[in-house]
Protein backbone atom coordinates (compact mmCIF):
# COMPACT_ATOMS: atom_id res chain seq x y z
CA MET A 1 -187.70 -4.72 87.96
CA ALA A 2 -187.25 -1.33 86.47
CA GLY A 3 -188.43 1.45 84.25
CA GLY A 4 -185.87 2.97 81.93
CA GLY A 5 -185.52 6.43 80.47
CA GLY A 6 -187.40 7.64 77.45
CA GLY A 7 -189.30 10.88 77.39
CA SER A 8 -188.41 13.66 79.80
CA SER A 9 -191.81 15.08 80.72
CA PRO A 10 -192.71 15.11 84.45
CA ALA A 11 -195.85 13.15 83.68
CA ARG A 12 -193.83 10.38 82.04
CA LEU A 13 -191.39 10.28 84.94
CA ALA A 14 -194.31 9.86 87.31
CA LEU A 15 -195.82 7.14 85.15
CA LEU A 16 -192.55 5.25 85.03
CA LEU A 17 -192.29 5.42 88.82
CA LEU A 18 -195.73 3.87 89.17
CA LEU A 19 -195.29 1.11 86.61
CA ALA A 20 -191.63 0.17 86.81
CA ALA A 21 -189.49 -1.88 89.09
CA ALA A 22 -186.15 -0.01 89.27
CA VAL A 23 -185.55 2.83 86.84
CA VAL A 24 -181.90 3.00 85.86
CA ALA A 25 -180.35 5.49 83.50
CA CYS A 26 -178.77 3.34 80.79
CA GLY A 27 -175.67 4.61 79.10
CA GLY A 28 -174.23 3.74 75.75
CA LYS A 29 -173.01 0.25 75.03
CA GLY A 30 -170.19 1.04 72.63
CA VAL A 31 -166.75 -0.51 72.77
CA GLN A 32 -165.24 2.29 74.85
CA VAL A 33 -167.97 2.05 77.50
CA GLU A 34 -167.69 -1.74 77.63
CA GLU A 35 -163.90 -1.61 77.99
CA ALA A 36 -164.10 1.04 80.71
CA HIS A 37 -166.75 -1.05 82.46
CA ARG A 38 -164.28 -3.90 82.75
CA ARG A 39 -162.16 -1.64 84.96
CA SER A 40 -164.79 0.13 87.08
CA MET A 41 -168.43 -0.40 88.05
CA LEU A 42 -168.95 3.37 87.83
CA ALA A 43 -168.14 3.10 84.11
CA ASN A 44 -171.13 0.86 83.44
CA GLY A 45 -173.12 3.92 82.38
CA LEU A 46 -175.87 3.24 84.93
CA GLY A 47 -177.20 5.17 87.91
CA SER A 48 -176.64 8.71 86.63
CA ALA A 49 -179.71 9.44 88.77
CA PRO A 50 -181.05 7.39 91.70
CA PRO A 51 -182.99 4.32 90.53
CA MET A 52 -186.78 4.47 90.67
CA GLY A 53 -189.38 1.77 90.44
CA TRP A 54 -191.06 -1.04 92.35
CA ASN A 55 -189.86 -3.93 94.48
CA SER A 56 -192.14 -6.72 95.66
CA TRP A 57 -190.46 -7.46 99.00
CA ASN A 58 -192.00 -4.93 101.42
CA HIS A 59 -195.56 -5.96 100.56
CA PHE A 60 -195.39 -9.52 99.21
CA GLN A 61 -192.13 -10.97 100.55
CA CYS A 62 -192.26 -14.63 99.42
CA ASP A 63 -196.05 -14.87 99.13
CA GLY A 64 -198.13 -15.02 96.01
CA ASN A 65 -197.64 -15.93 92.36
CA GLY A 66 -194.53 -13.98 91.39
CA GLU A 67 -195.09 -14.05 87.63
CA VAL A 68 -198.70 -12.87 87.95
CA VAL A 69 -197.76 -10.12 90.41
CA ILE A 70 -194.97 -8.86 88.17
CA ARG A 71 -196.95 -9.04 84.96
CA GLU A 72 -199.82 -7.20 86.61
CA THR A 73 -197.82 -4.64 88.14
CA ASP A 74 -190.53 -11.30 93.36
CA ASP A 75 -188.37 -12.05 95.52
CA CYS A 76 -188.07 -15.80 96.22
CA TRP A 77 -188.02 -16.47 92.49
CA ALA A 78 -185.58 -19.38 92.47
CA GLU A 79 -185.86 -23.12 92.96
CA PRO A 80 -184.08 -24.33 96.12
CA GLN A 81 -181.64 -26.41 94.08
CA ARG A 82 -179.58 -25.55 91.01
CA ASP A 83 -179.79 -27.67 87.86
CA ALA A 84 -177.36 -30.45 86.94
CA LYS A 85 -174.88 -27.91 85.57
CA GLY A 86 -175.05 -25.77 88.68
CA ASN A 87 -177.17 -23.02 87.10
CA LEU A 88 -179.90 -21.10 88.92
CA VAL A 89 -183.42 -22.16 87.95
CA ALA A 90 -186.59 -20.09 88.27
CA ASN A 91 -189.26 -21.39 90.63
CA THR A 92 -191.55 -23.50 88.45
CA LYS A 93 -194.64 -22.69 90.54
CA THR A 94 -194.34 -18.91 90.81
CA PHE A 95 -192.51 -18.36 87.49
CA PRO A 96 -193.75 -21.22 85.31
CA HIS A 97 -192.38 -19.66 82.11
CA GLY A 98 -189.00 -18.72 83.60
CA ILE A 99 -187.39 -15.34 84.21
CA LYS A 100 -186.25 -14.83 80.63
CA ALA A 101 -189.86 -14.97 79.45
CA LEU A 102 -190.53 -11.73 81.34
CA THR A 103 -187.75 -9.80 79.60
CA PRO A 104 -189.48 -9.03 76.27
CA THR A 105 -192.53 -7.67 78.10
CA PHE A 106 -190.42 -5.39 80.26
CA HIS A 107 -188.14 -4.16 77.51
CA HIS A 108 -191.10 -3.55 75.18
CA HIS A 109 -192.44 -1.10 77.76
CA ARG A 110 -188.97 0.44 78.28
CA LEU A 111 -188.69 -1.19 81.69
CA ARG A 112 -185.73 -2.95 83.25
CA LEU A 113 -185.72 -6.39 84.85
CA CYS A 114 -184.28 -6.80 88.34
CA ASN A 115 -183.07 -9.90 90.17
CA ASN A 116 -183.15 -9.47 93.91
CA CYS A 117 -181.59 -10.72 97.15
CA LEU A 118 -179.20 -13.42 95.99
CA CYS A 119 -178.11 -14.77 99.31
CA ARG A 120 -178.86 -18.27 100.48
CA PHE A 121 -181.46 -18.37 103.22
CA GLN A 122 -183.78 -20.90 104.72
CA THR A 123 -186.92 -20.61 106.85
CA ARG A 124 -189.40 -23.26 107.80
CA ALA A 125 -191.27 -22.79 104.53
CA LYS A 126 -188.77 -21.24 102.10
CA VAL A 127 -185.34 -22.18 100.80
CA GLN A 128 -183.37 -20.02 98.36
CA PRO A 129 -179.99 -20.64 96.74
CA GLY A 130 -177.25 -18.04 96.94
CA SER A 131 -174.51 -16.83 94.61
CA LEU A 132 -171.57 -17.22 96.98
CA GLY A 133 -169.01 -19.24 95.04
CA HIS A 134 -171.12 -19.05 91.86
CA GLU A 135 -170.63 -15.38 90.99
CA GLU A 136 -169.44 -15.67 87.39
CA GLN A 137 -171.80 -18.53 86.60
CA ASP A 138 -174.82 -16.68 87.98
CA VAL A 139 -173.96 -13.38 86.31
CA LYS A 140 -173.80 -15.19 82.96
CA THR A 141 -177.27 -16.56 83.69
CA PHE A 142 -178.59 -13.10 84.54
CA ALA A 143 -177.13 -11.63 81.37
CA ALA A 144 -178.68 -14.42 79.29
CA TRP A 145 -182.05 -13.67 80.92
CA GLY A 146 -181.72 -9.97 80.05
CA VAL A 147 -181.46 -8.82 83.66
CA ASP A 148 -180.62 -5.11 84.08
CA TYR A 149 -180.41 -4.68 87.87
CA LEU A 150 -178.96 -6.90 90.60
CA MET A 151 -179.58 -6.43 94.32
CA TYR A 152 -177.13 -8.59 96.25
CA ASP A 153 -177.77 -9.31 99.94
CA ASN A 154 -175.14 -10.33 102.49
CA CYS A 155 -176.98 -13.02 104.47
CA ASN A 156 -175.39 -16.46 104.99
CA ASN A 157 -172.11 -15.15 103.66
CA GLY A 158 -169.85 -17.96 104.87
CA ASP A 159 -168.34 -15.56 107.43
CA LEU A 160 -166.73 -13.56 104.63
CA ARG A 161 -166.49 -9.83 105.25
CA PRO A 162 -168.42 -7.68 102.74
CA LEU A 163 -165.12 -6.33 101.40
CA GLU A 164 -164.13 -9.90 100.57
CA ARG A 165 -167.48 -10.87 99.07
CA TYR A 166 -168.78 -7.91 97.08
CA PRO A 167 -165.66 -7.36 94.94
CA GLU A 168 -166.02 -10.89 93.57
CA MET A 169 -169.55 -10.22 92.31
CA SER A 170 -168.47 -6.81 91.03
CA ARG A 171 -165.65 -8.36 88.97
CA ALA A 172 -168.07 -10.90 87.54
CA LEU A 173 -170.44 -8.11 86.50
CA MET A 174 -167.61 -6.18 84.86
CA LYS A 175 -166.66 -9.19 82.75
CA VAL A 176 -170.07 -10.31 81.54
CA GLY A 177 -170.39 -7.79 78.69
CA ARG A 178 -173.84 -6.47 79.70
CA PRO A 179 -174.18 -3.37 81.91
CA ILE A 180 -176.10 -4.46 85.02
CA TYR A 181 -176.86 -2.01 87.83
CA PHE A 182 -175.31 -3.39 91.04
CA SER A 183 -177.10 -2.67 94.33
CA LEU A 184 -175.08 -3.70 97.40
CA CYS A 185 -177.20 -4.68 100.39
CA GLU A 186 -175.18 -5.40 103.51
CA TRP A 187 -177.38 -3.15 105.68
CA GLY A 188 -174.70 -0.60 106.47
CA ASP A 189 -172.86 -2.99 108.77
CA MET A 190 -169.37 -2.16 107.49
CA HIS A 191 -170.13 1.44 106.44
CA PRO A 192 -170.35 0.72 102.68
CA ALA A 193 -170.72 4.41 101.85
CA LYS A 194 -166.97 4.61 102.38
CA TRP A 195 -166.10 1.88 99.85
CA GLY A 196 -169.25 1.01 97.89
CA ALA A 197 -168.48 3.21 94.89
CA ALA A 198 -165.53 0.97 94.02
CA TYR A 199 -167.85 -1.99 93.50
CA GLY A 200 -171.45 -0.94 92.88
CA ASN A 201 -173.98 1.70 91.90
CA SER A 202 -175.72 1.95 95.29
CA TRP A 203 -175.27 0.60 98.77
CA ARG A 204 -177.58 0.15 101.72
CA THR A 205 -176.66 2.45 104.58
CA THR A 206 -179.28 1.15 107.04
CA ASN A 207 -181.02 -1.94 108.31
CA ASP A 208 -184.39 -2.91 106.81
CA ILE A 209 -187.08 -0.26 107.08
CA ALA A 210 -190.46 -1.09 108.67
CA ASP A 211 -193.82 0.51 107.92
CA THR A 212 -193.82 2.68 111.04
CA TRP A 213 -193.11 6.33 111.81
CA ASP A 214 -190.31 5.50 114.26
CA SER A 215 -188.57 3.18 111.79
CA MET A 216 -188.86 5.65 108.95
CA ILE A 217 -187.37 8.62 110.84
CA ALA A 218 -184.59 6.49 112.32
CA THR A 219 -183.73 5.20 108.84
CA ALA A 220 -183.67 8.73 107.43
CA ASP A 221 -181.26 9.83 110.18
CA GLN A 222 -178.96 6.84 109.69
CA ASN A 223 -178.72 7.50 105.96
CA GLU A 224 -178.19 11.26 106.31
CA VAL A 225 -174.86 10.73 108.06
CA TRP A 226 -173.33 9.50 104.79
CA SER A 227 -174.57 12.29 102.50
CA GLU A 228 -171.12 13.36 101.32
CA TYR A 229 -170.49 9.96 99.70
CA ALA A 230 -173.43 10.02 97.26
CA ARG A 231 -172.83 11.06 93.66
CA PRO A 232 -174.05 10.28 90.13
CA GLY A 233 -173.30 6.62 89.50
CA GLY A 234 -173.20 5.69 93.21
CA TRP A 235 -175.98 6.36 95.75
CA ASN A 236 -176.71 5.90 99.44
CA ASP A 237 -179.69 3.59 99.87
CA PRO A 238 -181.89 3.83 103.01
CA ASP A 239 -184.13 0.98 101.78
CA MET A 240 -187.39 0.86 99.85
CA LEU A 241 -190.42 3.08 100.29
CA GLU A 242 -193.25 2.00 102.61
CA VAL A 243 -195.72 4.52 101.17
CA GLY A 244 -199.12 2.86 100.76
CA ASN A 245 -198.56 -0.18 102.97
CA GLY A 246 -200.90 1.13 105.67
CA GLY A 247 -198.72 1.56 108.73
CA MET A 248 -198.38 5.36 108.55
CA SER A 249 -200.66 8.32 107.98
CA GLU A 250 -200.90 10.36 104.79
CA ALA A 251 -198.80 13.11 106.39
CA GLU A 252 -196.15 10.62 107.47
CA TYR A 253 -196.00 9.04 104.01
CA ARG A 254 -195.70 12.50 102.43
CA SER A 255 -192.74 13.19 104.75
CA HIS A 256 -191.26 9.79 103.91
CA PHE A 257 -191.40 10.42 100.16
CA SER A 258 -190.11 14.00 100.47
CA ILE A 259 -187.10 13.09 102.59
CA TRP A 260 -186.17 10.15 100.34
CA ALA A 261 -186.44 12.47 97.35
CA VAL A 262 -184.26 15.28 98.73
CA ALA A 263 -181.75 12.71 100.02
CA LYS A 264 -181.33 11.33 96.48
CA ALA A 265 -182.35 7.89 97.73
CA PRO A 266 -183.57 5.20 95.35
CA LEU A 267 -187.35 5.61 95.01
CA LEU A 268 -188.48 2.00 95.00
CA ILE A 269 -192.19 1.61 95.66
CA GLY A 270 -192.91 -1.14 98.16
CA CYS A 271 -196.72 -1.37 98.12
CA ASP A 272 -199.15 -3.32 95.95
CA VAL A 273 -199.52 -0.87 93.05
CA ARG A 274 -202.52 -2.80 91.70
CA SER A 275 -204.70 -1.69 94.60
CA MET A 276 -203.15 1.59 95.77
CA SER A 277 -205.46 4.35 96.97
CA GLN A 278 -205.72 7.68 95.20
CA GLN A 279 -203.98 9.20 98.22
CA THR A 280 -201.02 6.87 97.76
CA LYS A 281 -200.95 7.43 94.01
CA ASP A 282 -200.92 11.21 94.50
CA ILE A 283 -197.86 10.96 96.74
CA LEU A 284 -195.91 8.51 94.59
CA SER A 285 -196.67 10.26 91.30
CA ASN A 286 -195.79 13.83 92.34
CA SER A 287 -193.60 14.70 89.38
CA GLU A 288 -192.19 17.86 91.00
CA VAL A 289 -190.90 15.88 93.99
CA ILE A 290 -189.55 13.17 91.68
CA ALA A 291 -187.70 15.84 89.68
CA VAL A 292 -185.78 16.86 92.83
CA ASN A 293 -184.66 13.28 93.32
CA GLN A 294 -183.64 12.95 89.66
CA ASP A 295 -181.90 16.34 89.39
CA SER A 296 -178.79 16.18 87.24
CA LEU A 297 -176.49 17.77 89.84
CA GLY A 298 -176.80 14.60 91.94
CA VAL A 299 -175.97 16.07 95.37
CA GLN A 300 -177.65 14.44 98.36
CA GLY A 301 -179.62 16.82 100.58
CA LYS A 302 -179.18 16.61 104.32
CA LYS A 303 -180.38 17.97 107.66
CA VAL A 304 -179.18 21.56 108.02
CA GLN A 305 -181.28 22.74 110.99
CA SER A 306 -182.77 20.83 113.90
CA ASN A 307 -184.59 22.19 116.94
CA ASN A 308 -186.49 19.71 119.11
CA GLY A 309 -187.93 17.77 116.19
CA LEU A 310 -188.51 20.80 113.95
CA GLU A 311 -186.11 20.25 111.09
CA VAL A 312 -184.90 21.74 107.83
CA TRP A 313 -183.42 19.42 105.19
CA ALA A 314 -181.86 20.99 102.12
CA GLY A 315 -179.55 20.43 99.21
CA PRO A 316 -178.34 22.13 96.02
CA LEU A 317 -179.95 21.51 92.63
CA SER A 318 -178.85 22.31 89.10
CA ASN A 319 -179.07 25.93 87.89
CA ASN A 320 -178.25 27.36 91.34
CA ARG A 321 -181.56 26.22 92.82
CA LYS A 322 -182.10 24.78 96.29
CA ALA A 323 -184.40 22.01 97.48
CA VAL A 324 -185.79 22.57 100.98
CA VAL A 325 -187.97 20.40 103.23
CA LEU A 326 -189.50 21.80 106.43
CA TRP A 327 -190.20 18.68 108.49
CA ASN A 328 -192.26 18.61 111.69
CA ARG A 329 -191.40 15.46 113.64
CA GLN A 330 -193.42 16.63 116.64
CA GLY A 331 -197.02 15.74 117.47
CA TYR A 332 -198.27 19.32 117.29
CA GLN A 333 -198.62 22.06 114.65
CA ALA A 334 -195.52 24.23 114.51
CA THR A 335 -193.87 26.98 112.50
CA ILE A 336 -190.54 26.06 110.97
CA THR A 337 -188.16 28.65 109.53
CA ALA A 338 -185.32 27.89 107.13
CA GLN A 339 -182.52 30.44 107.39
CA TRP A 340 -180.77 31.36 104.14
CA SER A 341 -177.36 30.80 105.76
CA SER A 342 -178.32 27.19 106.53
CA ILE A 343 -179.26 26.34 102.96
CA GLY A 344 -176.39 28.11 101.20
CA LEU A 345 -178.01 31.38 100.08
CA ALA A 346 -176.65 34.89 100.64
CA SER A 347 -178.72 36.78 103.22
CA SER A 348 -180.12 39.31 100.74
CA THR A 349 -181.14 36.77 98.08
CA ALA A 350 -184.69 36.99 96.78
CA VAL A 351 -186.14 33.76 95.43
CA THR A 352 -189.20 32.32 93.82
CA ALA A 353 -190.33 29.48 96.08
CA ARG A 354 -192.22 26.63 94.48
CA ASP A 355 -194.36 24.59 96.90
CA LEU A 356 -194.08 21.06 95.49
CA TRP A 357 -197.11 19.65 97.31
CA ALA A 358 -199.43 22.65 96.87
CA HIS A 359 -198.15 23.21 93.31
CA SER A 360 -198.03 26.97 93.83
CA SER A 361 -195.32 29.66 93.80
CA PHE A 362 -194.55 32.77 95.85
CA SER A 363 -191.69 35.18 96.55
CA ALA A 364 -189.41 34.98 99.59
CA GLN A 365 -186.33 36.78 100.89
CA ASP A 366 -183.92 36.23 103.78
CA GLN A 367 -185.76 33.17 105.11
CA LEU A 368 -188.61 30.75 104.49
CA SER A 369 -191.27 30.05 107.13
CA ALA A 370 -194.36 27.86 107.16
CA SER A 371 -196.77 26.34 109.65
CA VAL A 372 -196.43 22.57 109.36
CA ALA A 373 -198.91 19.97 110.62
CA PRO A 374 -197.79 17.18 113.01
CA HIS A 375 -195.54 14.58 111.31
CA ASP A 376 -196.01 16.43 108.01
CA CYS A 377 -193.69 18.48 105.85
CA LYS A 378 -193.54 21.30 103.32
CA MET A 379 -191.23 20.89 100.33
CA TYR A 380 -189.93 23.68 98.10
CA VAL A 381 -187.60 24.43 95.24
CA LEU A 382 -186.05 27.90 95.60
CA THR A 383 -184.93 29.68 92.43
CA PRO A 384 -182.88 32.88 92.95
CA ASN A 385 -184.42 35.83 91.10
């Protein structure tokens, strides 16, 4: 599900992040855009900035009443069997009024509706249909429901390679006449950063994240390798946020959110937003950090210095600014120094440094140093004077 644009204030951006389920920047729907969209997914007018929002999977998976959860804020939304005409049918227990019934509520609040994880899978308790072999039929169903965002998993793929399977769904989306953001999720197995932009708006570069420090830092490192392939309209995706799910400390969640932001990753909340703590809300609603993620230049930040777990991540922003994260991956307090040469500034450049977590500004020249707590970070925007 997703929050759309509308209003440019930082406060509104933060509010959309908290309430939505996958913010996508919607382009025009005129004839020229529609015709171009039939030739290229990148012409669908979506994903000019990384999507933001909320996804139920990390916290709820297949548990709970999907319709209630979504209206108050699901995966596993479908009946195991299609109807007599072969169409997908919403689960009558968890979505008693159907998926389409949710659309007016979401669009009234300028949100976008997302369908998620359309691969067939079966566990002891759950069975879900998949779209393999039903791509055009299912996309027509999604369009009729008013769906705006499709995440398409690669499980139980009939032994088809991703490059055989994803183009088919992409072609179906191009033909349906409704721009739908296409999120490819094949867990980075076949290096989709190299080819994903031909078929979708984002692509998973990693396996599923877990709510642990070790998983989070490993996921960040796996995604960082592909930084050069991200761009407006097509983004590297290191999986959803775990902030607020309880497995990490406040410092670790602050690092998690900062690194995802500077890396231009989709910011998809994965906790139960109905019961989040103030601590969690403060992290997820930091409008200055969100603004780095949503910056119009659309260049993914990356690791530019690393010394025994003391790291500097940085990337360019619009108007000649730089985003910088000093990240302490060690278990002790340490001073981290970002050298101007590492972040693309001339050695004599004087800047105004904005601390995005302390919400304060100061002057700096030649380098930027700070003492950083264990597993924590400092995040800045540097504006040349």
